[in-house]
C-alpha atoms as a PDB file:
ATOM      1  CA  MET A   1       5.605  20.535  -6.123  1.00  0.00           C
ATOM      2  CA  PRO A   2       3.408  19.498  -9.426  1.00  0.00           C
ATOM      3  CA  ALA A   3       1.596  15.974  -8.913  1.00  0.00           C
ATOM      4  CA  PRO A   4       3.779  13.675 -11.064  1.00  0.00           C
ATOM      5  CA  LEU A   5       6.458  14.685  -9.433  1.00  0.00           C
ATOM      6  CA  LEU A   6       4.711  14.176  -5.864  1.00  0.00           C
ATOM      7  CA  MET A   7       4.070  10.684  -7.105  1.00  0.00           C
ATOM      8  CA  LEU A   8       7.245   9.333  -8.547  1.00  0.00           C
ATOM      9  CA  SER A   9       9.126  10.717  -5.586  1.00  0.00           C
ATOM     10  CA  ALA A  10       6.534   8.726  -3.291  1.00  0.00           C
ATOM     11  CA  THR A  11       6.804   5.971  -5.338  1.00  0.00           C
ATOM     12  CA  LEU A  12      10.580   6.295  -4.826  1.00  0.00           C
ATOM     13  CA  LEU A  13      10.730   6.667  -1.265  1.00  0.00           C
ATOM     14  CA  PHE A  14       8.411   3.548  -1.001  1.00  0.00           C
ATOM     15  CA  ALA A  15      10.767   1.783  -2.929  1.00  0.00           C
ATOM     16  CA  LEU A  16      13.248   2.945  -0.396  1.00  0.00           C
ATOM     17  CA  MET A  17      11.023   2.108   2.498  1.00  0.00           C
ATOM     18  CA  ALA A  18      10.685  -1.477   1.271  1.00  0.00           C
ATOM     19  CA  LEU A  19      14.732  -1.616   0.943  1.00  0.00           C
ATOM     20  CA  CYS A  20      14.974  -0.865   4.400  1.00  0.00           C
ATOM     21  CA  VAL A  21      11.936  -3.203   5.666  1.00  0.00           C
ATOM     22  CA  LYS A  22      14.483  -6.354   4.030  1.00  0.00           C
ATOM     23  CA  LEU A  23      17.558  -5.145   5.352  1.00  0.00           C
ATOM     24  CA  ALA A  24      15.884  -4.481   8.897  1.00  0.00           C
ATOM     25  CA  SER A  25      14.456  -7.803   8.563  1.00  0.00           C
ATOM     26  CA  SER A  26      17.719  -9.462  10.054  1.00  0.00           C
ATOM     27  CA  TYR A  27      17.477  -7.491  13.496  1.00  0.00           C
ATOM     28  CA  TYR A  28      13.815  -7.131  14.059  1.00  0.00           C
ATOM     29  CA  SER A  29      10.473  -9.087  13.527  1.00  0.00           C
ATOM     30  CA  PRO A  30       7.828  -7.455  11.176  1.00  0.00           C
ATOM     31  CA  THR A  31       5.529  -6.680  13.955  1.00  0.00           C
ATOM     32  CA  GLU A  32       8.464  -4.286  15.627  1.00  0.00           C
ATOM     33  CA  ILE A  33       9.095  -2.957  12.502  1.00  0.00           C
ATOM     34  CA  VAL A  34       5.592  -1.867  12.168  1.00  0.00           C
ATOM     35  CA  MET A  35       5.701  -0.916  15.946  1.00  0.00           C
ATOM     36  CA  TYR A  36       8.662   1.637  14.994  1.00  0.00           C
ATOM     37  CA  ARG A  37       7.334   2.719  11.510  1.00  0.00           C
ATOM     38  CA  GLY A  38       4.461   4.241  13.540  1.00  0.00           C
ATOM     39  CA  ILE A  39       6.633   5.684  16.345  1.00  0.00           C
ATOM     40  CA  VAL A  40       8.767   7.786  13.916  1.00  0.00           C
ATOM     41  CA  GLY A  41       5.180   8.573  12.224  1.00  0.00           C
ATOM     42  CA  VAL A  42       3.282   9.901  15.094  1.00  0.00           C
ATOM     43  CA  VAL A  43       6.293  12.345  16.020  1.00  0.00           C
ATOM     44  CA  PHE A  44       7.028  13.231  12.324  1.00  0.00           C
ATOM     45  CA  ILE A  45       3.329  14.189  11.714  1.00  0.00           C
ATOM     46  CA  THR A  46       2.796  15.358  15.337  1.00  0.00           C
ATOM     47  CA  VAL A  47       5.303  18.257  14.464  1.00  0.00           C
ATOM     48  CA  LEU A  48       4.302  18.729  10.327  1.00  0.00           C
ATOM     49  CA  ALA A  49       0.484  19.129  11.572  1.00  0.00           C
ATOM     50  CA  ARG A  50       1.934  21.938  14.414  1.00  0.00           C
ATOM     51  CA  TRP A  51       4.129  23.624  12.001  1.00  0.00           C
ATOM     52  CA  ARG A  52       1.019  23.671   9.277  1.00  0.00           C
ATOM     53  CA  GLY A  53      -1.561  24.689  12.110  1.00  0.00           C
ATOM     54  CA  VAL A  54      -3.402  21.504  11.757  1.00  0.00           C
ATOM     55  CA  ALA A  55      -5.924  20.121  14.173  1.00  0.00           C
ATOM     56  CA  LEU A  56      -5.107  16.059  15.266  1.00  0.00           C
ATOM     57  CA  ALA A  57      -8.935  15.976  16.917  1.00  0.00           C
ATOM     58  CA  THR A  58     -10.842  13.915  15.219  1.00  0.00           C
ATOM     59  CA  SER A  59     -14.627  13.648  15.080  1.00  0.00           C
ATOM     60  CA  VAL A  60     -14.985  10.513  13.384  1.00  0.00           C
ATOM     61  CA  PRO A  61     -12.583   7.667  15.701  1.00  0.00           C
ATOM     62  CA  SER A  62     -15.067   5.188  14.570  1.00  0.00           C
ATOM     63  CA  MET A  63     -13.384   5.522  10.775  1.00  0.00           C
ATOM     64  CA  HIS A  64     -10.192   5.948  11.974  1.00  0.00           C
ATOM     65  CA  LEU A  65     -10.256   2.742  14.191  1.00  0.00           C
ATOM     66  CA  TRP A  66     -11.525   0.789  11.177  1.00  0.00           C
ATOM     67  CA  ARG A  67      -8.886   2.034   8.526  1.00  0.00           C
ATOM     68  CA  GLY A  68      -5.878   1.610  11.009  1.00  0.00           C
ATOM     69  CA  LEU A  69      -6.932  -2.296  11.641  1.00  0.00           C
ATOM     70  CA  LEU A  70      -7.178  -2.416   7.715  1.00  0.00           C
ATOM     71  CA  GLY A  71      -4.215  -0.512   7.051  1.00  0.00           C
ATOM     72  CA  VAL A  72      -1.631  -2.627   9.798  1.00  0.00           C
ATOM     73  CA  THR A  73      -2.766  -5.851   8.610  1.00  0.00           C
ATOM     74  CA  SER A  74      -1.741  -4.764   5.179  1.00  0.00           C
ATOM     75  CA  LEU A  75       1.543  -3.405   6.229  1.00  0.00           C
ATOM     76  CA  THR A  76       2.360  -6.325   8.643  1.00  0.00           C
ATOM     77  CA  LEU A  77       2.042  -8.526   5.774  1.00  0.00           C
ATOM     78  CA  TRP A  78       3.452  -6.800   3.365  1.00  0.00           C
ATOM     79  CA  PHE A  79       6.620  -6.189   5.605  1.00  0.00           C
ATOM     80  CA  PHE A  80       6.249 -10.022   6.395  1.00  0.00           C
ATOM     81  CA  ALA A  81       6.665 -10.768   2.414  1.00  0.00           C
ATOM     82  CA  ILE A  82       9.290  -8.274   2.004  1.00  0.00           C
ATOM     83  CA  SER A  83      11.547 -10.184   4.638  1.00  0.00           C
ATOM     84  CA  GLY A  84      11.197 -13.214   2.164  1.00  0.00           C
ATOM     85  CA  LEU A  85      10.408 -12.117  -1.453  1.00  0.00           C
ATOM     86  CA  PRO A  86      12.457 -10.205  -4.009  1.00  0.00           C
ATOM     87  CA  LEU A  87      11.734  -6.496  -3.395  1.00  0.00           C
ATOM     88  CA  ALA A  88      10.011  -6.255  -6.593  1.00  0.00           C
ATOM     89  CA  THR A  89       7.730  -9.429  -6.491  1.00  0.00           C
ATOM     90  CA  ALA A  90       6.473  -8.264  -3.110  1.00  0.00           C
ATOM     91  CA  MET A  91       5.823  -4.935  -4.353  1.00  0.00           C
ATOM     92  CA  THR A  92       4.346  -5.925  -7.163  1.00  0.00           C
ATOM     93  CA  LEU A  93       1.854  -7.995  -5.198  1.00  0.00           C
ATOM     94  CA  ASN A  94       1.150  -5.328  -2.806  1.00  0.00           C
ATOM     95  CA  ALA A  95       0.542  -3.442  -6.049  1.00  0.00           C
ATOM     96  CA  MET A  96      -2.814  -5.683  -6.791  1.00  0.00           C
ATOM     97  CA  SER A  97      -5.023  -3.691  -4.968  1.00  0.00           C
ATOM     98  CA  SER A  98      -6.300  -1.740  -8.354  1.00  0.00           C
ATOM     99  CA  ILE A  99      -7.288  -5.356  -9.491  1.00  0.00           C
ATOM    100  CA  TRP A 100      -8.875  -6.368  -6.105  1.00  0.00           C
ATOM    101  CA  MET A 101     -11.051  -2.750  -6.554  1.00  0.00           C
ATOM    102  CA  ALA A 102     -12.123  -4.182 -10.157  1.00  0.00           C
ATOM    103  CA  VAL A 103     -13.433  -7.454  -8.151  1.00  0.00           C
ATOM    104  CA  TYR A 104     -15.549  -5.202  -6.014  1.00  0.00           C
ATOM    105  CA  LEU A 105     -16.882  -3.586  -8.920  1.00  0.00           C
ATOM    106  CA  MET A 106     -17.893  -6.935 -10.321  1.00  0.00           C
ATOM    107  CA  GLY A 107     -19.044  -8.356  -7.242  1.00  0.00           C
ATOM    108  CA  GLY A 108     -21.317  -5.402  -6.177  1.00  0.00           C
ATOM    109  CA  ALA A 109     -22.994  -5.205  -9.863  1.00  0.00           C
ATOM    110  CA  VAL A 110     -23.887  -8.652  -8.892  1.00  0.00           C
ATOM    111  CA  LEU A 111     -25.301  -8.538  -5.614  1.00  0.00           C
ATOM    112  CA  LEU A 112     -27.242  -5.701  -6.523  1.00  0.00           C
ATOM    113  CA  GLY A 113     -28.670  -6.860  -9.428  1.00  0.00           C
ATOM    114  CA  GLY A 114     -28.015  -4.552 -11.773  1.00  0.00           C
ATOM    115  CA  LYS A 115     -26.646  -4.329 -15.169  1.00  0.00           C
ATOM    116  CA  ALA A 116     -24.819  -7.247 -16.533  1.00  0.00           C
ATOM    117  CA  VAL A 117     -20.951  -7.028 -15.327  1.00  0.00           C
ATOM    118  CA  ASP A 118     -18.485  -5.244 -17.766  1.00  0.00           C
ATOM    119  CA  GLY A 119     -16.990  -7.846 -19.935  1.00  0.00           C
ATOM    120  CA  ARG A 120     -14.031  -5.395 -19.976  1.00  0.00           C
ATOM    121  CA  LEU A 121     -13.677  -6.011 -15.844  1.00  0.00           C
ATOM    122  CA  VAL A 122     -13.933  -9.568 -16.178  1.00  0.00           C
ATOM    123  CA  ALA A 123     -10.843  -9.483 -18.430  1.00  0.00           C
ATOM    124  CA  THR A 124      -8.669  -7.209 -16.244  1.00  0.00           C
ATOM    125  CA  VAL A 125      -8.904  -9.240 -13.536  1.00  0.00           C
ATOM    126  CA  LEU A 126      -8.240 -12.620 -15.280  1.00  0.00           C
ATOM    127  CA  VAL A 127      -5.524 -11.006 -16.668  1.00  0.00           C
ATOM    128  CA  GLY A 128      -4.289  -9.955 -13.461  1.00  0.00           C
ATOM    129  CA  PHE A 129      -4.718 -13.092 -11.858  1.00  0.00           C
ATOM    130  CA  ALA A 130      -2.708 -14.821 -14.759  1.00  0.00           C
ATOM    131  CA  GLY A 131      -0.151 -12.196 -13.480  1.00  0.00           C
ATOM    132  CA  VAL A 132      -0.003 -13.727 -10.238  1.00  0.00           C
ATOM    133  CA  ALA A 133       0.197 -17.021 -11.109  1.00  0.00           C
ATOM    134  CA  CYS A 134       3.359 -16.123 -13.152  1.00  0.00           C
ATOM    135  CA  VAL A 135       5.043 -14.201  -9.814  1.00  0.00           C
ATOM    136  CA  LEU A 136       4.308 -17.020  -7.416  1.00  0.00           C
ATOM    137  CA  GLN A 137       4.931 -19.857  -9.744  1.00  0.00           C
ATOM    138  CA  PRO A 138       9.239 -19.661  -8.947  1.00  0.00           C
ATOM    139  CA  THR A 139       7.894 -19.446  -5.276  1.00  0.00           C
ATOM    140  CA  PHE A 140       6.659 -23.245  -5.048  1.00  0.00           C
ATOM    141  CA  HIS A 141      10.324 -24.210  -6.452  1.00  0.00           C
ATOM    142  CA  GLN A 142      12.448 -21.791  -3.696  1.00  0.00           C
ATOM    143  CA  ALA A 143       9.842 -22.541  -0.392  1.00  0.00           C
ATOM    144  CA  GLN A 144       8.552 -18.732  -0.268  1.00  0.00           C
ATOM    145  CA  LEU A 145       5.121 -19.456  -1.509  1.00  0.00           C
ATOM    146  CA  ILE A 146       3.932 -18.291   2.491  1.00  0.00           C
ATOM    147  CA  TRP A 147       5.600 -15.146   1.887  1.00  0.00           C
ATOM    148  CA  GLY A 148       3.688 -15.099  -1.672  1.00  0.00           C
ATOM    149  CA  LEU A 149       0.469 -15.308  -0.200  1.00  0.00           C
ATOM    150  CA  ALA A 150       1.089 -12.926   2.628  1.00  0.00           C
ATOM    151  CA  GLY A 151       2.244 -10.274  -0.219  1.00  0.00           C
ATOM    152  CA  LEU A 152      -0.890 -11.100  -1.725  1.00  0.00           C
ATOM    153  CA  GLY A 153      -2.965 -10.609   1.133  1.00  0.00           C
ATOM    154  CA  SER A 154      -1.802  -7.545   1.844  1.00  0.00           C
ATOM    155  CA  GLY A 155      -2.696  -6.225  -1.522  1.00  0.00           C
ATOM    156  CA  LEU A 156      -6.462  -7.415  -0.960  1.00  0.00           C
ATOM    157  CA  ILE A 157      -6.381  -5.666   2.121  1.00  0.00           C
ATOM    158  CA  ALA A 158      -4.801  -2.757   1.186  1.00  0.00           C
ATOM    159  CA  SER A 159      -7.934  -2.102  -1.188  1.00  0.00           C
ATOM    160  CA  MET A 160      -9.981  -2.296   1.299  1.00  0.00           C
ATOM    161  CA  ALA A 161      -8.201   0.130   3.099  1.00  0.00           C
ATOM    162  CA  TYR A 162      -8.097   2.678   0.330  1.00  0.00           C
ATOM    163  CA  LEU A 163     -11.400   2.374   0.815  1.00  0.00           C
ATOM    164  CA  THR A 164     -11.859   3.784   4.019  1.00  0.00           C
ATOM    165  CA  VAL A 165      -9.312   6.426   3.395  1.00  0.00           C
ATOM    166  CA  THR A 166     -11.644   7.734   0.227  1.00  0.00           C
ATOM    167  CA  ALA A 167     -14.643   7.785   2.900  1.00  0.00           C
ATOM    168  CA  LEU A 168     -12.206   9.834   5.357  1.00  0.00           C
ATOM    169  CA  GLY A 169     -11.707  12.430   2.596  1.00  0.00           C
ATOM    170  CA  ARG A 170     -15.488  12.817   2.230  1.00  0.00           C
ATOM    171  CA  ALA A 171     -15.868  12.901   5.831  1.00  0.00           C
ATOM    172  CA  GLY A 172     -13.619  16.181   5.495  1.00  0.00           C
ATOM    173  CA  GLU A 173     -10.282  14.553   7.691  1.00  0.00           C
ATOM    174  CA  PRO A 174      -7.253  16.566   6.092  1.00  0.00           C
ATOM    175  CA  GLU A 175      -4.384  13.906   4.801  1.00  0.00           C
ATOM    176  CA  LEU A 176      -2.023  14.506   7.952  1.00  0.00           C
ATOM    177  CA  ARG A 177      -4.721  13.702  10.221  1.00  0.00           C
ATOM    178  CA  VAL A 178      -5.148  10.189   8.033  1.00  0.00           C
ATOM    179  CA  VAL A 179      -2.021   9.609   8.365  1.00  0.00           C
ATOM    180  CA  PHE A 180      -1.438  10.423  12.129  1.00  0.00           C
ATOM    181  CA  TYR A 181      -4.000   8.219  13.259  1.00  0.00           C
ATOM    182  CA  PHE A 182      -2.777   5.275  11.165  1.00  0.00           C
ATOM    183  CA  SER A 183       1.099   5.998  12.756  1.00  0.00           C
ATOM    184  CA  VAL A 184      -0.959   5.792  15.925  1.00  0.00           C
ATOM    185  CA  ALA A 185      -2.581   2.306  14.633  1.00  0.00           C
ATOM    186  CA  SER A 186       0.636   1.172  14.042  1.00  0.00           C
ATOM    187  CA  VAL A 187       2.491   1.839  17.164  1.00  0.00           C
ATOM    188  CA  LEU A 188      -0.274  -0.252  19.341  1.00  0.00           C
ATOM    189  CA  ALA A 189      -1.035  -2.845  16.893  1.00  0.00           C
ATOM    190  CA  GLY A 190       2.710  -3.654  16.200  1.00  0.00           C
ATOM    191  CA  ALA A 191       3.280  -3.614  19.710  1.00  0.00           C
ATOM    192  CA  GLY A 192       0.477  -5.605  20.706  1.00  0.00           C
ATOM    193  CA  LEU A 193       1.096  -8.540  18.450  1.00  0.00           C
ATOM    194  CA  SER A 194       5.009  -8.509  18.915  1.00  0.00           C
ATOM    195  CA  LEU A 195       4.279  -9.761  22.552  1.00  0.00           C
ATOM    196  CA  GLY A 196       1.009 -11.742  21.339  1.00  0.00           C
ATOM    197  CA  THR A 197       3.647 -13.512  18.886  1.00  0.00           C
ATOM    198  CA  GLY A 198       6.232 -14.155  21.067  1.00  0.00           C
ATOM    199  CA  THR A 199       8.328 -11.104  19.891  1.00  0.00           C
ATOM    200  CA  PRO A 200       8.693  -8.957  22.208  1.00  0.00           C
ATOM    201  CA  TRP A 201       9.767  -5.407  21.190  1.00  0.00           C
ATOM    202  CA  ARG A 202      12.833  -4.417  22.868  1.00  0.00           C
ATOM    203  CA  LEU A 203      13.954  -0.418  24.101  1.00  0.00           C
ATOM    204  CA  GLU A 204      17.608  -1.439  24.731  1.00  0.00           C
ATOM    205  CA  GLY A 205      20.073  -4.052  22.643  1.00  0.00           C
ATOM    206  CA  HIS A 206      19.573  -1.888  19.801  1.00  0.00           C
ATOM    207  CA  THR A 207      22.517  -1.894  17.452  1.00  0.00           C
ATOM    208  CA  PHE A 208      23.154   1.790  15.480  1.00  0.00           C
ATOM    209  CA  LYS A 209      22.703  -0.002  11.653  1.00  0.00           C
ATOM    210  CA  GLY A 210      19.311  -1.336  13.221  1.00  0.00           C
ATOM    211  CA  LEU A 211      18.272   2.093  14.911  1.00  0.00           C
ATOM    212  CA  ALA A 212      19.605   3.618  11.025  1.00  0.00           C
ATOM    213  CA  LEU A 213      17.413   1.316   9.637  1.00  0.00           C
ATOM    214  CA  LEU A 214      13.937   1.775  11.737  1.00  0.00           C
ATOM    215  CA  LEU A 215      14.357   5.385  11.209  1.00  0.00           C
ATOM    216  CA  GLY A 216      14.776   4.900   7.484  1.00  0.00           C
ATOM    217  CA  VAL A 217      11.665   3.119   7.206  1.00  0.00           C
ATOM    218  CA  GLY A 218       9.523   5.346   9.104  1.00  0.00           C
ATOM    219  CA  LEU A 219      10.476   8.240   7.683  1.00  0.00           C
ATOM    220  CA  THR A 220      10.232   6.948   4.000  1.00  0.00           C
ATOM    221  CA  ALA A 221       7.329   5.634   4.665  1.00  0.00           C
ATOM    222  CA  THR A 222       5.558   8.302   6.149  1.00  0.00           C
ATOM    223  CA  LEU A 223       7.063  11.577   3.942  1.00  0.00           C
ATOM    224  CA  ALA A 224       5.889   8.870   0.846  1.00  0.00           C
ATOM    225  CA  GLN A 225       2.331   8.623   2.243  1.00  0.00           C
ATOM    226  CA  VAL A 226       1.731  12.426   2.698  1.00  0.00           C
ATOM    227  CA  MET A 227       3.327  12.651  -0.716  1.00  0.00           C
ATOM    228  CA  LEU A 228       1.275  10.212  -2.386  1.00  0.00           C
ATOM    229  CA  THR A 229      -2.116  11.490  -0.599  1.00  0.00           C
ATOM    230  CA  ALA A 230      -1.198  15.082  -1.732  1.00  0.00           C
ATOM    231  CA  ALA A 231      -0.220  13.755  -5.574  1.00  0.00           C
ATOM    232  CA  TYR A 232      -4.239  12.132  -5.482  1.00  0.00           C
ATOM    233  CA  ALA A 233      -5.745  15.259  -3.832  1.00  0.00           C
ATOM    234  CA  ARG A 234      -4.216  17.442  -6.769  1.00  0.00           C
ATOM    235  CA  GLY A 235      -3.331  15.390  -9.891  1.00  0.00           C
ATOM    236  CA  LYS A 236      -5.294  13.042 -12.418  1.00  0.00           C
ATOM    237  CA  LEU A 237      -5.908   9.694 -11.182  1.00  0.00           C
ATOM    238  CA  LEU A 238      -4.844   7.529 -14.420  1.00  0.00           C
ATOM    239  CA  VAL A 239      -1.469   9.471 -14.409  1.00  0.00           C
ATOM    240  CA  ASN A 240      -1.067   9.197 -11.069  1.00  0.00           C
ATOM    241  CA  ALA A 241      -1.674   5.357 -11.368  1.00  0.00           C
ATOM    242  CA  CYS A 242       0.611   5.063 -14.137  1.00  0.00           C
ATOM    243  CA  LEU A 243       3.232   6.593 -12.198  1.00  0.00           C
ATOM    244  CA  ASN A 244       2.686   4.833  -9.211  1.00  0.00           C
ATOM    245  CA  TYR A 245       3.647   1.705 -10.955  1.00  0.00           C
ATOM    246  CA  CYS A 246       7.311   2.957 -11.364  1.00  0.00           C
ATOM    247  CA  GLY A 247       7.738   2.074  -7.738  1.00  0.00           C
ATOM    248  CA  ILE A 248       7.966  -1.544  -9.366  1.00  0.00           C
ATOM    249  CA  ALA A 249      10.922  -0.119 -11.506  1.00  0.00           C
ATOM    250  CA  PHE A 250      12.440   1.454  -8.865  1.00  0.00           C
ATOM    251  CA  SER A 251      12.009  -1.994  -6.441  1.00  0.00           C
ATOM    252  CA  ALA A 252      13.635  -4.288  -8.852  1.00  0.00           C
ATOM    253  CA  LEU A 253      16.721  -1.734  -9.486  1.00  0.00           C
ATOM    254  CA  LEU A 254      17.095  -1.486  -5.669  1.00  0.00           C
ATOM    255  CA  GLY A 255      16.849  -5.118  -5.227  1.00  0.00           C
ATOM    256  CA  TRP A 256      19.260  -5.900  -8.032  1.00  0.00           C
ATOM    257  CA  ALA A 257      21.952  -3.189  -6.457  1.00  0.00           C
ATOM    258  CA  VAL A 258      21.926  -4.923  -3.426  1.00  0.00           C
ATOM    259  CA  PHE A 259      20.922  -8.297  -2.986  1.00  0.00           C
ATOM    260  CA  GLN A 260      21.515  -9.347  -7.022  1.00  0.00           C
ATOM    261  CA  GLU A 261      18.199 -10.060  -7.353  1.00  0.00           C
ATOM    262  CA  ARG A 262      16.760 -10.741 -11.095  1.00  0.00           C
ATOM    263  CA  PRO A 263      13.583 -11.980 -11.648  1.00  0.00           C
ATOM    264  CA  GLY A 264      13.153 -14.944 -14.093  1.00  0.00           C
ATOM    265  CA  TRP A 265      11.480 -14.417 -17.319  1.00  0.00           C
ATOM    266  CA  LEU A 266       8.294 -15.801 -15.865  1.00  0.00           C
ATOM    267  CA  ALA A 267       8.072 -13.452 -13.028  1.00  0.00           C
ATOM    268  CA  SER A 268       9.059 -10.609 -15.031  1.00  0.00           C
ATOM    269  CA  ALA A 269       6.071 -12.064 -17.470  1.00  0.00           C
ATOM    270  CA  GLY A 270       3.751 -11.671 -14.269  1.00  0.00           C
ATOM    271  CA  ILE A 271       4.384  -8.334 -13.323  1.00  0.00           C
ATOM    272  CA  LEU A 272       3.820  -6.695 -16.532  1.00  0.00           C
ATOM    273  CA  LEU A 273       0.626  -8.722 -16.587  1.00  0.00           C
ATOM    274  CA  ILE A 274      -0.411  -7.067 -13.117  1.00  0.00           C
ATOM    275  CA  VAL A 275       0.530  -3.556 -14.008  1.00  0.00           C
ATOM    276  CA  ALA A 276      -1.478  -3.858 -16.974  1.00  0.00           C
ATOM    277  CA  ALA A 277      -4.276  -5.117 -15.497  1.00  0.00           C
ATOM    278  CA  GLY A 278      -3.989  -2.804 -12.528  1.00  0.00           C
ATOM    279  CA  LEU A 279      -4.070   0.220 -15.275  1.00  0.00           C
ATOM    280  CA  ALA A 280      -7.015  -0.854 -16.310  1.00  0.00           C
ATOM    281  CA  ALA A 281      -8.960  -1.693 -13.673  1.00  0.00           C
ATOM    282  CA  THR A 282      -7.898   1.963 -12.852  1.00  0.00           C
ATOM    283  CA  LEU A 283      -8.949   3.652 -16.278  1.00  0.00           C
ATOM    284  CA  LEU A 284     -12.026   1.350 -15.761  1.00  0.00           C
ATOM    285  CA  ARG A 285     -13.370   2.492 -12.013  1.00  0.00           C
ATOM    286  CA  ALA A 286     -12.781   5.850 -13.401  1.00  0.00           C
ATOM    287  CA  GLN A 287     -14.966   5.343 -16.096  1.00  0.00           C
ATOM    288  CA  VAL A 288     -17.741   3.856 -13.528  1.00  0.00           C
ATOM    289  CA  THR A 289     -17.591   6.707 -11.463  1.00  0.00           C
ATOM    290  CA  GLN A 290     -17.850   9.369 -13.862  1.00  0.00           C
ATOM    291  CA  GLN A 291     -20.976   7.819 -14.923  1.00  0.00           C
ATOM    292  CA  SER A 292     -22.720   7.510 -11.826  1.00  0.00           C
ATOM    293  CA  LYS A 293     -21.550  11.261 -11.482  1.00  0.00           C
ATOM    294  CA  ASP A 294     -23.541  11.518 -14.902  1.00  0.00           C
ATOM    295  CA  ILE A 295     -26.498   9.973 -13.630  1.00  0.00           C
ATOM    296  CA  GLN A 296     -27.307  11.739 -10.441  1.00  0.00           C
ATOM    297  CA  PRO A 297     -29.766  14.267 -10.726  1.00  0.00           C
ATOM    298  CA  ASP A 298     -29.315  18.102 -11.080  1.00  0.00           C
ATOM    299  CA  ARG A 299     -29.634  19.434  -7.650  1.00  0.00           C
ATOM    300  CA  HIS A 300     -30.375  23.008  -8.957  1.00  0.00           C
ATOM    301  CA  GLU A 301     -33.199  21.446 -10.489  1.00  0.00           C
END
């Protein structure tokens, strides 16, 4: 499957996952949903890995542990945000990860004492946070601020998780193995957090609708993650980044169709600002990466 189609499919599946999470929140806590999402992922990836002949044993367990810790924290915050915010808003705040990457680049330039911070990066970050202010402003009037901050935190931690995924790729870990250990971490952390927060997971008392929604969360999330990883491996970074924001449009349509959610003009303007800043941050990050490669000495000299 071509990379653009993989990316579009992944964004649609993530939007459907968010819909299932929001519906499942009427039956389960966010930590329970994380746990069951992990269970479905473990089973699915185990079967797929055996079919493809991919070994799941790893030589870098500490890297997977760190990736799992960051990823599960981000996922739990995101699921909590989805339960209390419009779908498009929750999806947009989680998509702030590209802008947080720009913040890291700025911070790295300052700490390393290199060249002056790129003014374009500063402008990108400012535009992104102006978008956040527009998106979060309505939540003050709707008592949704705690969910808004959770969504913002999920994007921040997700950006750190993406860095660990990149490191795992450089270490030679195949995408199925990365997704497998993330799913294992989801099971363990979701179960532990559910018990620790007084919402113990249940093995009985489920309804057919509740189980169907949990299965939907697990399948859509796992398939989307595999497709997303494959798209970034095959396609161009900027094209993938552009298509990735289609997930916000899909979420807005699903939120309107199922929950009659209609973001106001201010929130809509904020979403557009965040998308524009995210695309600009991705482009600038790609340029910085290419420049660092260009100045490396030729190994054949």
